[in-house]
C-alpha atoms as a PDB file:
ATOM      1  CA  MET A   1     -19.687  11.407  10.895  1.00  0.00           C
ATOM      2  CA  ILE A   2     -19.227  12.629   7.506  1.00  0.00           C
ATOM      3  CA  PHE A   3     -17.862  10.914   4.532  1.00  0.00           C
ATOM      4  CA  GLY A   4     -14.684   9.819   5.054  1.00  0.00           C
ATOM      5  CA  GLU A   5     -14.480  11.531   8.451  1.00  0.00           C
ATOM      6  CA  LYS A   6     -11.528  10.295  10.891  1.00  0.00           C
ATOM      7  CA  GLU A   7     -12.568   8.315  14.267  1.00  0.00           C
ATOM      8  CA  GLU A   8     -10.918   8.516  17.232  1.00  0.00           C
ATOM      9  CA  THR A   9     -10.458   4.684  17.856  1.00  0.00           C
ATOM     10  CA  THR A  10      -8.824   3.504  14.829  1.00  0.00           C
ATOM     11  CA  ILE A  11      -4.925   4.004  14.764  1.00  0.00           C
ATOM     12  CA  SER A  12      -3.776   1.411  11.727  1.00  0.00           C
ATOM     13  CA  GLN A  13      -2.176   2.965   9.089  1.00  0.00           C
ATOM     14  CA  ALA A  14      -3.932   1.490   6.327  1.00  0.00           C
ATOM     15  CA  ALA A  15      -7.259   0.327   5.525  1.00  0.00           C
ATOM     16  CA  LEU A  16      -6.986  -3.069   4.852  1.00  0.00           C
ATOM     17  CA  GLU A  17      -4.959  -5.033   5.986  1.00  0.00           C
ATOM     18  CA  LEU A  18      -5.118  -8.891   5.357  1.00  0.00           C
ATOM     19  CA  VAL A  19      -2.040 -11.177   8.001  1.00  0.00           C
ATOM     20  CA  ASN A  20      -2.011 -15.192   6.951  1.00  0.00           C
ATOM     21  CA  LEU A  21      -5.321 -15.732   6.183  1.00  0.00           C
ATOM     22  CA  THR A  22      -6.420 -18.985   5.645  1.00  0.00           C
ATOM     23  CA  LYS A  23     -10.299 -20.037   5.243  1.00  0.00           C
ATOM     24  CA  THR A  24     -10.471 -24.242   4.951  1.00  0.00           C
ATOM     25  CA  PHE A  25     -14.003 -26.224   4.159  1.00  0.00           C
ATOM     26  CA  GLY A  26     -13.513 -29.574   5.314  1.00  0.00           C
ATOM     27  CA  GLU A  27     -10.082 -30.413   3.224  1.00  0.00           C
ATOM     28  CA  ASN A  28      -9.828 -28.119   1.339  1.00  0.00           C
ATOM     29  CA  THR A  29      -8.084 -24.922   1.543  1.00  0.00           C
ATOM     30  CA  VAL A  30      -9.516 -22.372  -0.376  1.00  0.00           C
ATOM     31  CA  LEU A  31      -7.584 -19.200   1.811  1.00  0.00           C
ATOM     32  CA  LYS A  32      -4.069 -19.713   1.057  1.00  0.00           C
ATOM     33  CA  ASN A  33      -2.143 -17.620   4.445  1.00  0.00           C
ATOM     34  CA  LEU A  34      -3.115 -14.248   2.962  1.00  0.00           C
ATOM     35  CA  CYS A  35      -1.085 -10.544   3.297  1.00  0.00           C
ATOM     36  CA  LEU A  36      -2.156  -8.349   1.871  1.00  0.00           C
ATOM     37  CA  LYS A  37      -2.403  -4.443   2.658  1.00  0.00           C
ATOM     38  CA  ILE A  38      -4.457  -2.045   0.849  1.00  0.00           C
ATOM     39  CA  GLU A  39      -3.625   1.637   1.531  1.00  0.00           C
ATOM     40  CA  LYS A  40      -6.336   4.185   2.934  1.00  0.00           C
ATOM     41  CA  GLY A  41      -7.353   6.317  -0.227  1.00  0.00           C
ATOM     42  CA  ASP A  42      -7.168   3.100  -2.871  1.00  0.00           C
ATOM     43  CA  ILE A  43      -8.986   2.514  -5.539  1.00  0.00           C
ATOM     44  CA  PHE A  44      -7.718  -1.712  -5.244  1.00  0.00           C
ATOM     45  CA  GLY A  45      -8.321  -4.121  -7.946  1.00  0.00           C
ATOM     46  CA  PHE A  46      -8.734  -7.696  -6.069  1.00  0.00           C
ATOM     47  CA  LEU A  47      -8.627  -9.952  -9.933  1.00  0.00           C
ATOM     48  CA  GLY A  48      -8.703 -13.878  -9.879  1.00  0.00           C
ATOM     49  CA  ASN A  49     -10.666 -16.524 -11.789  1.00  0.00           C
ATOM     50  CA  ASN A  50     -13.698 -17.908 -10.682  1.00  0.00           C
ATOM     51  CA  GLY A  51     -13.584 -20.150  -7.742  1.00  0.00           C
ATOM     52  CA  ALA A  52      -9.397 -18.062  -6.632  1.00  0.00           C
ATOM     53  CA  GLY A  53     -10.943 -17.320  -3.303  1.00  0.00           C
ATOM     54  CA  LYS A  54     -12.084 -13.667  -3.825  1.00  0.00           C
ATOM     55  CA  THR A  55     -15.617 -14.099  -2.982  1.00  0.00           C
ATOM     56  CA  THR A  56     -14.779 -16.141   0.116  1.00  0.00           C
ATOM     57  CA  THR A  57     -12.509 -13.297   1.038  1.00  0.00           C
ATOM     58  CA  ILE A  58     -14.824 -10.620   0.943  1.00  0.00           C
ATOM     59  CA  ARG A  59     -16.423 -13.050   3.033  1.00  0.00           C
ATOM     60  CA  VAL A  60     -14.051 -13.871   5.870  1.00  0.00           C
ATOM     61  CA  ILE A  61     -14.065  -9.855   5.563  1.00  0.00           C
ATOM     62  CA  PHE A  62     -17.502  -8.800   7.064  1.00  0.00           C
ATOM     63  CA  GLY A  63     -17.340 -11.465   8.809  1.00  0.00           C
ATOM     64  CA  LEU A  64     -20.176 -13.660   7.163  1.00  0.00           C
ATOM     65  CA  ILE A  65     -17.663 -16.991   7.943  1.00  0.00           C
ATOM     66  CA  ARG A  66     -14.817 -16.922   9.881  1.00  0.00           C
ATOM     67  CA  PRO A  67     -11.229 -18.163   8.911  1.00  0.00           C
ATOM     68  CA  THR A  68      -9.502 -21.134   9.973  1.00  0.00           C
ATOM     69  CA  LYS A  69      -6.559 -19.357  10.596  1.00  0.00           C
ATOM     70  CA  GLY A  70      -4.904 -15.318  10.452  1.00  0.00           C
ATOM     71  CA  PHE A  71      -6.453 -12.370  11.533  1.00  0.00           C
ATOM     72  CA  PHE A  72      -6.765  -8.455   9.497  1.00  0.00           C
ATOM     73  CA  HIS A  73      -7.418  -5.242  10.504  1.00  0.00           C
ATOM     74  CA  VAL A  74      -9.609  -2.515   9.069  1.00  0.00           C
ATOM     75  CA  PHE A  75      -8.404   0.199   9.502  1.00  0.00           C
ATOM     76  CA  GLY A  76      -7.112  -0.624  12.695  1.00  0.00           C
ATOM     77  CA  PHE A  77      -9.946  -2.884  14.585  1.00  0.00           C
ATOM     78  CA  LYS A  78      -8.102  -6.600  14.406  1.00  0.00           C
ATOM     79  CA  CYS A  79     -10.934  -9.100  13.255  1.00  0.00           C
ATOM     80  CA  PRO A  80     -12.719 -11.199  13.864  1.00  0.00           C
ATOM     81  CA  LEU A  81     -12.650 -10.244  17.338  1.00  0.00           C
ATOM     82  CA  GLN A  82     -13.441  -6.553  16.318  1.00  0.00           C
ATOM     83  CA  ILE A  83     -15.650  -7.351  13.697  1.00  0.00           C
ATOM     84  CA  THR A  84     -18.745  -5.801  14.917  1.00  0.00           C
ATOM     85  CA  LEU A  85     -16.503  -2.450  15.153  1.00  0.00           C
ATOM     86  CA  ALA A  86     -14.586  -2.744  11.754  1.00  0.00           C
ATOM     87  CA  LYS A  87     -18.363  -3.000  10.121  1.00  0.00           C
ATOM     88  CA  ARG A  88     -18.689   0.543  10.864  1.00  0.00           C
ATOM     89  CA  VAL A  89     -16.325   1.183   8.204  1.00  0.00           C
ATOM     90  CA  MET A  90     -17.143  -0.615   6.569  1.00  0.00           C
ATOM     91  CA  GLY A  91     -20.274  -0.725   3.440  1.00  0.00           C
ATOM     92  CA  GLY A  92     -20.533  -3.756   0.684  1.00  0.00           C
ATOM     93  CA  LEU A  93     -22.147  -4.503  -2.490  1.00  0.00           C
ATOM     94  CA  VAL A  94     -21.525  -8.210  -2.187  1.00  0.00           C
ATOM     95  CA  ASP A  95     -22.322 -10.660  -5.515  1.00  0.00           C
ATOM     96  CA  ILE A  96     -25.786  -9.527  -7.087  1.00  0.00           C
ATOM     97  CA  PRO A  97     -27.912  -7.237  -4.757  1.00  0.00           C
ATOM     98  CA  ALA A  98     -31.479  -8.542  -4.267  1.00  0.00           C
ATOM     99  CA  PHE A  99     -34.143  -5.638  -3.372  1.00  0.00           C
ATOM    100  CA  TYR A 100     -37.457  -5.808  -2.072  1.00  0.00           C
ATOM    101  CA  GLU A 101     -38.745  -5.257  -6.183  1.00  0.00           C
ATOM    102  CA  THR A 102     -42.220  -3.843  -5.419  1.00  0.00           C
ATOM    103  CA  LEU A 103     -41.495  -1.555  -2.578  1.00  0.00           C
ATOM    104  CA  THR A 104     -39.210   2.018  -3.529  1.00  0.00           C
ATOM    105  CA  GLY A 105     -35.556   1.873  -3.656  1.00  0.00           C
ATOM    106  CA  ARG A 106     -35.753   4.808   0.003  1.00  0.00           C
ATOM    107  CA  GLU A 107     -38.076   1.675   1.734  1.00  0.00           C
ATOM    108  CA  ASN A 108     -34.925  -0.979  -0.213  1.00  0.00           C
ATOM    109  CA  LEU A 109     -32.598   1.315   1.336  1.00  0.00           C
ATOM    110  CA  GLU A 110     -34.213   2.149   4.968  1.00  0.00           C
ATOM    111  CA  ILE A 111     -34.801  -1.675   5.158  1.00  0.00           C
ATOM    112  CA  LEU A 112     -31.777  -2.253   4.109  1.00  0.00           C
ATOM    113  CA  THR A 113     -29.758  -0.060   6.871  1.00  0.00           C
ATOM    114  CA  ALA A 114     -32.041  -1.980   9.359  1.00  0.00           C
ATOM    115  CA  PHE A 115     -31.169  -5.046   8.878  1.00  0.00           C
ATOM    116  CA  THR A 116     -27.485  -3.586  10.345  1.00  0.00           C
ATOM    117  CA  GLY A 117     -28.369  -2.835  13.771  1.00  0.00           C
ATOM    118  CA  ARG A 118     -27.331   0.958  13.884  1.00  0.00           C
ATOM    119  CA  THR A 119     -29.448   3.631  14.259  1.00  0.00           C
ATOM    120  CA  LEU A 120     -28.677   6.361  10.929  1.00  0.00           C
ATOM    121  CA  PRO A 121     -30.384   9.669  10.331  1.00  0.00           C
ATOM    122  CA  LYS A 122     -33.105   9.469   7.775  1.00  0.00           C
ATOM    123  CA  SER A 123     -30.669  11.741   6.304  1.00  0.00           C
ATOM    124  CA  ALA A 124     -27.854   9.280   5.037  1.00  0.00           C
ATOM    125  CA  VAL A 125     -30.572   7.606   2.766  1.00  0.00           C
ATOM    126  CA  GLU A 126     -30.760  11.310   0.838  1.00  0.00           C
ATOM    127  CA  GLU A 127     -27.548  11.653   1.529  1.00  0.00           C
ATOM    128  CA  ALA A 128     -26.308   8.462  -0.404  1.00  0.00           C
ATOM    129  CA  SER A 129     -29.010   8.334  -2.542  1.00  0.00           C
ATOM    130  CA  ARG A 130     -27.775  11.679  -3.997  1.00  0.00           C
ATOM    131  CA  LEU A 131     -24.456  10.638  -4.665  1.00  0.00           C
ATOM    132  CA  VAL A 132     -24.465   7.808  -6.621  1.00  0.00           C
ATOM    133  CA  GLY A 133     -27.040   9.471  -8.860  1.00  0.00           C
ATOM    134  CA  ILE A 134     -30.684   8.225  -8.421  1.00  0.00           C
ATOM    135  CA  HIS A 135     -32.306   9.809  -6.450  1.00  0.00           C
ATOM    136  CA  ASP A 136     -35.207  11.234  -8.488  1.00  0.00           C
ATOM    137  CA  ILE A 137     -35.962   7.323  -9.241  1.00  0.00           C
ATOM    138  CA  LEU A 138     -36.031   7.055  -4.874  1.00  0.00           C
ATOM    139  CA  ASP A 139     -39.518   7.030  -4.659  1.00  0.00           C
ATOM    140  CA  TYR A 140     -40.456   4.517  -7.381  1.00  0.00           C
ATOM    141  CA  PRO A 141     -40.418   0.716  -6.639  1.00  0.00           C
ATOM    142  CA  VAL A 142     -37.712  -1.165  -7.825  1.00  0.00           C
ATOM    143  CA  ARG A 143     -38.829  -3.862 -10.498  1.00  0.00           C
ATOM    144  CA  ILE A 144     -38.942  -0.202 -13.007  1.00  0.00           C
ATOM    145  CA  TYR A 145     -34.680   0.171 -12.735  1.00  0.00           C
ATOM    146  CA  SER A 146     -32.683  -0.663 -14.991  1.00  0.00           C
ATOM    147  CA  ASN A 147     -29.637  -2.612 -15.021  1.00  0.00           C
ATOM    148  CA  GLY A 148     -27.642  -0.284 -13.780  1.00  0.00           C
ATOM    149  CA  GLN A 149     -29.990   1.922 -11.535  1.00  0.00           C
ATOM    150  CA  LYS A 150     -29.987  -0.970  -9.116  1.00  0.00           C
ATOM    151  CA  ARG A 151     -26.292  -1.322  -9.162  1.00  0.00           C
ATOM    152  CA  ARG A 152     -26.330   2.086  -7.879  1.00  0.00           C
ATOM    153  CA  LEU A 153     -29.323   1.171  -5.301  1.00  0.00           C
ATOM    154  CA  GLY A 154     -26.681  -1.414  -4.475  1.00  0.00           C
ATOM    155  CA  ILE A 155     -23.723   0.907  -4.007  1.00  0.00           C
ATOM    156  CA  ALA A 156     -26.252   3.280  -2.572  1.00  0.00           C
ATOM    157  CA  GLN A 157     -26.398   0.505   0.065  1.00  0.00           C
ATOM    158  CA  ALA A 158     -23.484  -0.102   0.788  1.00  0.00           C
ATOM    159  CA  LEU A 159     -23.191   4.196   1.223  1.00  0.00           C
ATOM    160  CA  VAL A 160     -25.770   5.359   3.763  1.00  0.00           C
ATOM    161  CA  PRO A 161     -23.753   4.082   7.237  1.00  0.00           C
ATOM    162  CA  HIS A 162     -21.103   6.267   5.961  1.00  0.00           C
ATOM    163  CA  PRO A 163     -17.932   4.102   5.842  1.00  0.00           C
ATOM    164  CA  ARG A 164     -14.738   4.734   4.643  1.00  0.00           C
ATOM    165  CA  LEU A 165     -14.021   1.535   3.445  1.00  0.00           C
ATOM    166  CA  ILE A 166     -15.956   0.212   0.881  1.00  0.00           C
ATOM    167  CA  VAL A 167     -16.099  -3.565  -0.797  1.00  0.00           C
ATOM    168  CA  LEU A 168     -17.436  -4.131  -4.020  1.00  0.00           C
ATOM    169  CA  ASP A 169     -17.887  -7.543  -5.255  1.00  0.00           C
ATOM    170  CA  GLU A 170     -18.275  -7.522  -9.633  1.00  0.00           C
ATOM    171  CA  PRO A 171     -20.286  -4.362  -9.917  1.00  0.00           C
ATOM    172  CA  THR A 172     -20.577  -3.893 -12.797  1.00  0.00           C
ATOM    173  CA  ALA A 173     -21.769  -7.569 -13.826  1.00  0.00           C
ATOM    174  CA  GLY A 174     -24.550  -7.621 -16.890  1.00  0.00           C
ATOM    175  CA  LEU A 175     -23.946  -3.764 -17.594  1.00  0.00           C
ATOM    176  CA  ASP A 176     -23.513  -2.818 -20.758  1.00  0.00           C
ATOM    177  CA  PRO A 177     -20.733  -0.573 -22.133  1.00  0.00           C
ATOM    178  CA  GLU A 178     -22.345   2.614 -21.018  1.00  0.00           C
ATOM    179  CA  GLY A 179     -23.997   1.309 -17.322  1.00  0.00           C
ATOM    180  CA  VAL A 180     -20.140   0.084 -17.788  1.00  0.00           C
ATOM    181  CA  LYS A 181     -18.116   3.732 -18.084  1.00  0.00           C
ATOM    182  CA  SER A 182     -21.441   5.158 -15.207  1.00  0.00           C
ATOM    183  CA  ILE A 183     -20.153   3.037 -12.426  1.00  0.00           C
ATOM    184  CA  ARG A 184     -16.648   3.970 -13.067  1.00  0.00           C
ATOM    185  CA  GLU A 185     -16.969   6.579 -13.032  1.00  0.00           C
ATOM    186  CA  LEU A 186     -19.065   7.087 -10.816  1.00  0.00           C
ATOM    187  CA  ILE A 187     -16.281   4.574  -8.490  1.00  0.00           C
ATOM    188  CA  MET A 188     -13.662   6.805  -9.183  1.00  0.00           C
ATOM    189  CA  ASP A 189     -15.532  10.224  -7.892  1.00  0.00           C
ATOM    190  CA  LEU A 190     -16.854   8.216  -4.890  1.00  0.00           C
ATOM    191  CA  ASN A 191     -12.890   7.483  -3.777  1.00  0.00           C
ATOM    192  CA  ARG A 192     -11.941  11.366  -5.299  1.00  0.00           C
ATOM    193  CA  ARG A 193     -14.483  13.492  -3.592  1.00  0.00           C
ATOM    194  CA  LEU A 194     -15.424  11.317  -0.514  1.00  0.00           C
ATOM    195  CA  ASN A 195     -11.839   9.710   0.377  1.00  0.00           C
ATOM    196  CA  ILE A 196     -13.598   6.997   0.684  1.00  0.00           C
ATOM    197  CA  THR A 197     -10.482   3.723   0.068  1.00  0.00           C
ATOM    198  CA  VAL A 198     -12.242   1.234  -2.749  1.00  0.00           C
ATOM    199  CA  VAL A 199     -12.154  -2.214  -3.026  1.00  0.00           C
ATOM    200  CA  LEU A 200     -13.445  -3.828  -6.315  1.00  0.00           C
ATOM    201  CA  SER A 201     -12.986  -7.398  -7.095  1.00  0.00           C
ATOM    202  CA  SER A 202     -13.940  -7.825 -10.965  1.00  0.00           C
ATOM    203  CA  HIS A 203     -13.834  -9.696 -14.263  1.00  0.00           C
ATOM    204  CA  VAL A 204     -13.711  -6.789 -16.618  1.00  0.00           C
ATOM    205  CA  LEU A 205      -9.852  -5.787 -16.661  1.00  0.00           C
ATOM    206  CA  SER A 206      -9.938  -3.315 -18.742  1.00  0.00           C
ATOM    207  CA  GLU A 207     -12.189  -1.193 -16.801  1.00  0.00           C
ATOM    208  CA  VAL A 208      -9.901  -2.364 -13.602  1.00  0.00           C
ATOM    209  CA  GLN A 209      -6.973  -0.706 -15.864  1.00  0.00           C
ATOM    210  CA  LYS A 210      -9.026   2.286 -15.973  1.00  0.00           C
ATOM    211  CA  THR A 211     -10.131   2.571 -12.159  1.00  0.00           C
ATOM    212  CA  CYS A 212      -7.741   1.130  -9.490  1.00  0.00           C
ATOM    213  CA  ASN A 213      -3.999   2.241  -8.763  1.00  0.00           C
ATOM    214  CA  ARG A 214      -3.199  -0.822  -7.053  1.00  0.00           C
ATOM    215  CA  VAL A 215      -4.543  -4.814  -7.751  1.00  0.00           C
ATOM    216  CA  SER A 216      -3.576  -8.151  -6.666  1.00  0.00           C
ATOM    217  CA  ILE A 217      -3.983 -11.208  -8.239  1.00  0.00           C
ATOM    218  CA  ILE A 218      -4.874 -14.575  -6.623  1.00  0.00           C
ATOM    219  CA  HIS A 219      -4.817 -17.474  -7.635  1.00  0.00           C
ATOM    220  CA  TYR A 220      -5.965 -21.515  -6.258  1.00  0.00           C
ATOM    221  CA  GLY A 221      -6.137 -19.418  -3.114  1.00  0.00           C
ATOM    222  CA  SER A 222      -2.901 -17.295  -3.185  1.00  0.00           C
ATOM    223  CA  ILE A 223      -2.226 -13.824  -3.673  1.00  0.00           C
ATOM    224  CA  LEU A 224       0.266 -13.979  -6.811  1.00  0.00           C
ATOM    225  CA  LYS A 225       1.396 -10.379  -7.179  1.00  0.00           C
ATOM    226  CA  THR A 226       0.589  -7.445  -5.587  1.00  0.00           C
ATOM    227  CA  ALA A 227       1.287  -4.528  -7.126  1.00  0.00           C
ATOM    228  CA  PRO A 228       0.367  -0.636  -8.500  1.00  0.00           C
ATOM    229  CA  VAL A 229      -1.026  -0.386 -11.910  1.00  0.00           C
ATOM    230  CA  GLU A 230       1.197   1.620 -13.564  1.00  0.00           C
ATOM    231  CA  GLU A 231       4.177  -0.889 -12.364  1.00  0.00           C
ATOM    232  CA  LEU A 232       2.622  -4.201 -14.206  1.00  0.00           C
ATOM    233  CA  LEU A 233       1.709  -1.527 -17.590  1.00  0.00           C
ATOM    234  CA  PHE A 234       5.322  -0.814 -17.426  1.00  0.00           C
ATOM    235  CA  ASP A 235       6.770  -3.261 -20.230  1.00  0.00           C
ATOM    236  CA  ALA A 236      10.899  -3.820 -21.103  1.00  0.00           C
ATOM    237  CA  SER A 237      10.328  -4.317 -24.405  1.00  0.00           C
ATOM    238  CA  TYR A 238      10.097  -2.455 -28.141  1.00  0.00           C
ATOM    239  CA  GLN A 239       8.226  -4.271 -31.376  1.00  0.00           C
ATOM    240  CA  PHE A 240       9.218  -3.735 -35.079  1.00  0.00           C
ATOM    241  CA  LYS A 241       7.800  -4.158 -38.203  1.00  0.00           C
ATOM    242  CA  ILE A 242      10.260  -6.457 -40.293  1.00  0.00           C
ATOM    243  CA  SER A 243       9.941  -6.309 -43.977  1.00  0.00           C
ATOM    244  CA  THR A 244      12.993  -8.975 -44.018  1.00  0.00           C
ATOM    245  CA  PRO A 245      11.128 -11.590 -41.822  1.00  0.00           C
ATOM    246  CA  GLU A 246      13.658 -14.794 -43.028  1.00  0.00           C
ATOM    247  CA  GLN A 247      16.825 -12.332 -42.243  1.00  0.00           C
ATOM    248  CA  ALA A 248      15.073 -10.749 -38.459  1.00  0.00           C
ATOM    249  CA  GLU A 249      15.064 -14.349 -37.233  1.00  0.00           C
ATOM    250  CA  LYS A 250      18.333 -15.278 -38.215  1.00  0.00           C
ATOM    251  CA  PHE A 251      19.745 -12.178 -36.962  1.00  0.00           C
ATOM    252  CA  PHE A 252      18.175 -12.867 -33.663  1.00  0.00           C
ATOM    253  CA  LEU A 253      19.532 -16.427 -33.448  1.00  0.00           C
ATOM    254  CA  GLU A 254      23.009 -15.621 -34.367  1.00  0.00           C
ATOM    255  CA  LYS A 255      22.837 -13.463 -31.828  1.00  0.00           C
ATOM    256  CA  ASN A 256      21.068 -15.520 -28.747  1.00  0.00           C
ATOM    257  CA  ILE A 257      18.256 -13.294 -29.034  1.00  0.00           C
ATOM    258  CA  THR A 258      14.445 -13.783 -26.981  1.00  0.00           C
ATOM    259  CA  TYR A 259      11.346 -12.918 -29.323  1.00  0.00           C
ATOM    260  CA  GLN A 260       8.067 -13.050 -29.879  1.00  0.00           C
ATOM    261  CA  THR A 261       5.467 -12.126 -32.479  1.00  0.00           C
ATOM    262  CA  ARG A 262       2.598 -10.289 -32.167  1.00  0.00           C
ATOM    263  CA  ASN A 263       0.113  -9.107 -34.805  1.00  0.00           C
ATOM    264  CA  GLY A 264       3.135  -8.706 -37.386  1.00  0.00           C
ATOM    265  CA  TYR A 265       5.270  -6.723 -35.677  1.00  0.00           C
ATOM    266  CA  TYR A 266       8.570  -8.905 -33.518  1.00  0.00           C
ATOM    267  CA  ILE A 267       8.473  -8.580 -30.013  1.00  0.00           C
ATOM    268  CA  LEU A 268      12.506  -7.722 -28.618  1.00  0.00           C
ATOM    269  CA  PRO A 269      12.959  -7.309 -24.691  1.00  0.00           C
ATOM    270  CA  ILE A 270      15.292  -4.183 -25.135  1.00  0.00           C
ATOM    271  CA  SER A 271      15.522  -0.560 -23.652  1.00  0.00           C
ATOM    272  CA  ARG A 272      14.529   1.920 -25.284  1.00  0.00           C
ATOM    273  CA  GLU A 273      19.094   2.946 -24.532  1.00  0.00           C
ATOM    274  CA  GLU A 274      19.509   0.090 -26.626  1.00  0.00           C
ATOM    275  CA  VAL A 275      17.208   0.835 -29.114  1.00  0.00           C
ATOM    276  CA  PRO A 276      20.039   2.367 -31.372  1.00  0.00           C
ATOM    277  CA  GLU A 277      21.936   0.096 -31.439  1.00  0.00           C
ATOM    278  CA  MET A 278      19.995  -3.002 -32.244  1.00  0.00           C
ATOM    279  CA  VAL A 279      18.465  -0.538 -35.045  1.00  0.00           C
ATOM    280  CA  ARG A 280      22.175   0.011 -36.440  1.00  0.00           C
ATOM    281  CA  GLU A 281      23.172  -4.251 -36.293  1.00  0.00           C
ATOM    282  CA  MET A 282      19.981  -4.649 -38.190  1.00  0.00           C
ATOM    283  CA  GLY A 283      20.566  -2.295 -41.264  1.00  0.00           C
ATOM    284  CA  LEU A 284      23.784  -3.851 -41.539  1.00  0.00           C
ATOM    285  CA  ARG A 285      22.103  -7.023 -42.153  1.00  0.00           C
ATOM    286  CA  ASN A 286      19.829  -5.541 -44.569  1.00  0.00           C
ATOM    287  CA  ILE A 287      17.197  -5.596 -42.523  1.00  0.00           C
ATOM    288  CA  GLY A 288      14.057  -3.059 -43.329  1.00  0.00           C
ATOM    289  CA  ILE A 289      12.356  -1.712 -39.956  1.00  0.00           C
ATOM    290  CA  TYR A 290       9.433  -0.082 -40.989  1.00  0.00           C
ATOM    291  CA  GLU A 291       8.231   1.154 -37.182  1.00  0.00           C
ATOM    292  CA  ILE A 292       9.354   0.539 -34.378  1.00  0.00           C
ATOM    293  CA  SER A 293       7.086   1.970 -31.561  1.00  0.00           C
ATOM    294  CA  PRO A 294       7.574   0.816 -26.778  1.00  0.00           C
ATOM    295  CA  ARG A 295       4.816  -2.162 -26.359  1.00  0.00           C
ATOM    296  CA  GLN A 296       1.895  -1.450 -24.604  1.00  0.00           C
ATOM    297  CA  ILE A 297       1.262  -3.973 -22.258  1.00  0.00           C
ATOM    298  CA  THR A 298      -2.192  -4.702 -21.289  1.00  0.00           C
ATOM    299  CA  LEU A 299      -3.751  -5.966 -17.636  1.00  0.00           C
ATOM    300  CA  GLU A 300      -5.200  -8.730 -18.741  1.00  0.00           C
ATOM    301  CA  GLU A 301      -2.046 -10.271 -20.173  1.00  0.00           C
ATOM    302  CA  VAL A 302      -0.481  -9.588 -17.459  1.00  0.00           C
ATOM    303  CA  PHE A 303      -3.386 -10.902 -15.821  1.00  0.00           C
ATOM    304  CA  LEU A 304      -2.876 -14.585 -17.762  1.00  0.00           C
ATOM    305  CA  GLN A 305       1.082 -14.717 -17.692  1.00  0.00           C
ATOM    306  CA  THR A 306       0.836 -14.581 -14.142  1.00  0.00           C
ATOM    307  CA  VAL A 307      -1.500 -17.334 -13.472  1.00  0.00           C
ATOM    308  CA  LYS A 308      -0.033 -19.587 -16.547  1.00  0.00           C
ATOM    309  CA  GLY A 309       3.355 -19.544 -14.009  1.00  0.00           C
ATOM    310  CA  GLY A 310       4.522 -16.019 -15.518  1.00  0.00           C
ATOM    311  CA  LYS A 311       4.946 -17.376 -19.078  1.00  0.00           C
ATOM    312  CA  ASN A 312       5.440 -14.513 -21.733  1.00  0.00           C
ATOM    313  CA  GLU A 313       3.581 -15.805 -24.554  1.00  0.00           C
ATOM    314  CA  TYR A 314       2.052 -13.246 -27.050  1.00  0.00           C
ATOM    315  CA  PRO A 315      -0.302 -14.879 -29.352  1.00  0.00           C
ATOM    316  CA  ASP A 316      -1.429 -13.142 -32.209  1.00  0.00           C
ATOM    317  CA  THR A 317      -4.922 -12.255 -32.237  1.00  0.00           C
END
């Protein structure tokens, strides 16, 4: 089977769907009725602070732990009942990959593939190593690999069984900026060329913003928000650079206009159509305006606002 090929036994329109997924350890509930659908072809960002439940969710998906309640589908396979079948269309990089340092990259991939219990052609290792760009060092011992090359080896491991879905847990952890960029480009290339659905768990929100088309924010075991990245970054506000701040603040108070300040700008929750009228009224009050521009919001700001309960705070930085 080639990368991204559809199996006849799969019926779901979604790559991954969680249905009321719950996990408790003793009296501690770490996953609370998670409901989430990841579409085929997504590069999906799974975001949350340490302890939010990301890694527990990933471990449930790979059958490493069983959910206390609920279930999930992987391309139509209902799990955990059909987890063995689901694993045939999944690959993953969970936590920091551990390799046999004295063995070559090829030997590591062959051993790790054997652990899956599946019989795969030897060409699968060759193909995966070429896809991630480490074929030229495949027969060198892993102890001489850089951190970035080890990350690529880990992704190659996930690709060897020809998955339709790969889950990557912190794939850029510990890498320098060049390495982070390299892994980002690799993930996007695999998704685009091979139509592999990617679930990406990462703390590097700037990279998630550049890489993913949809994200979900999990906090204390509950999913707070799921949306396309472009939708989350749309912020219906404009920022004004003003020469007479005292007059402006008095005007905002009289008009009952809520505003925030950031880096010397006044941020007003107004639409593009409302800008001309706002400028006209401020002009009548002799409020000097140096600059007007749409405010650019980042995924980091969205994340922080969401986990803080939706407070719209923009501290000076």
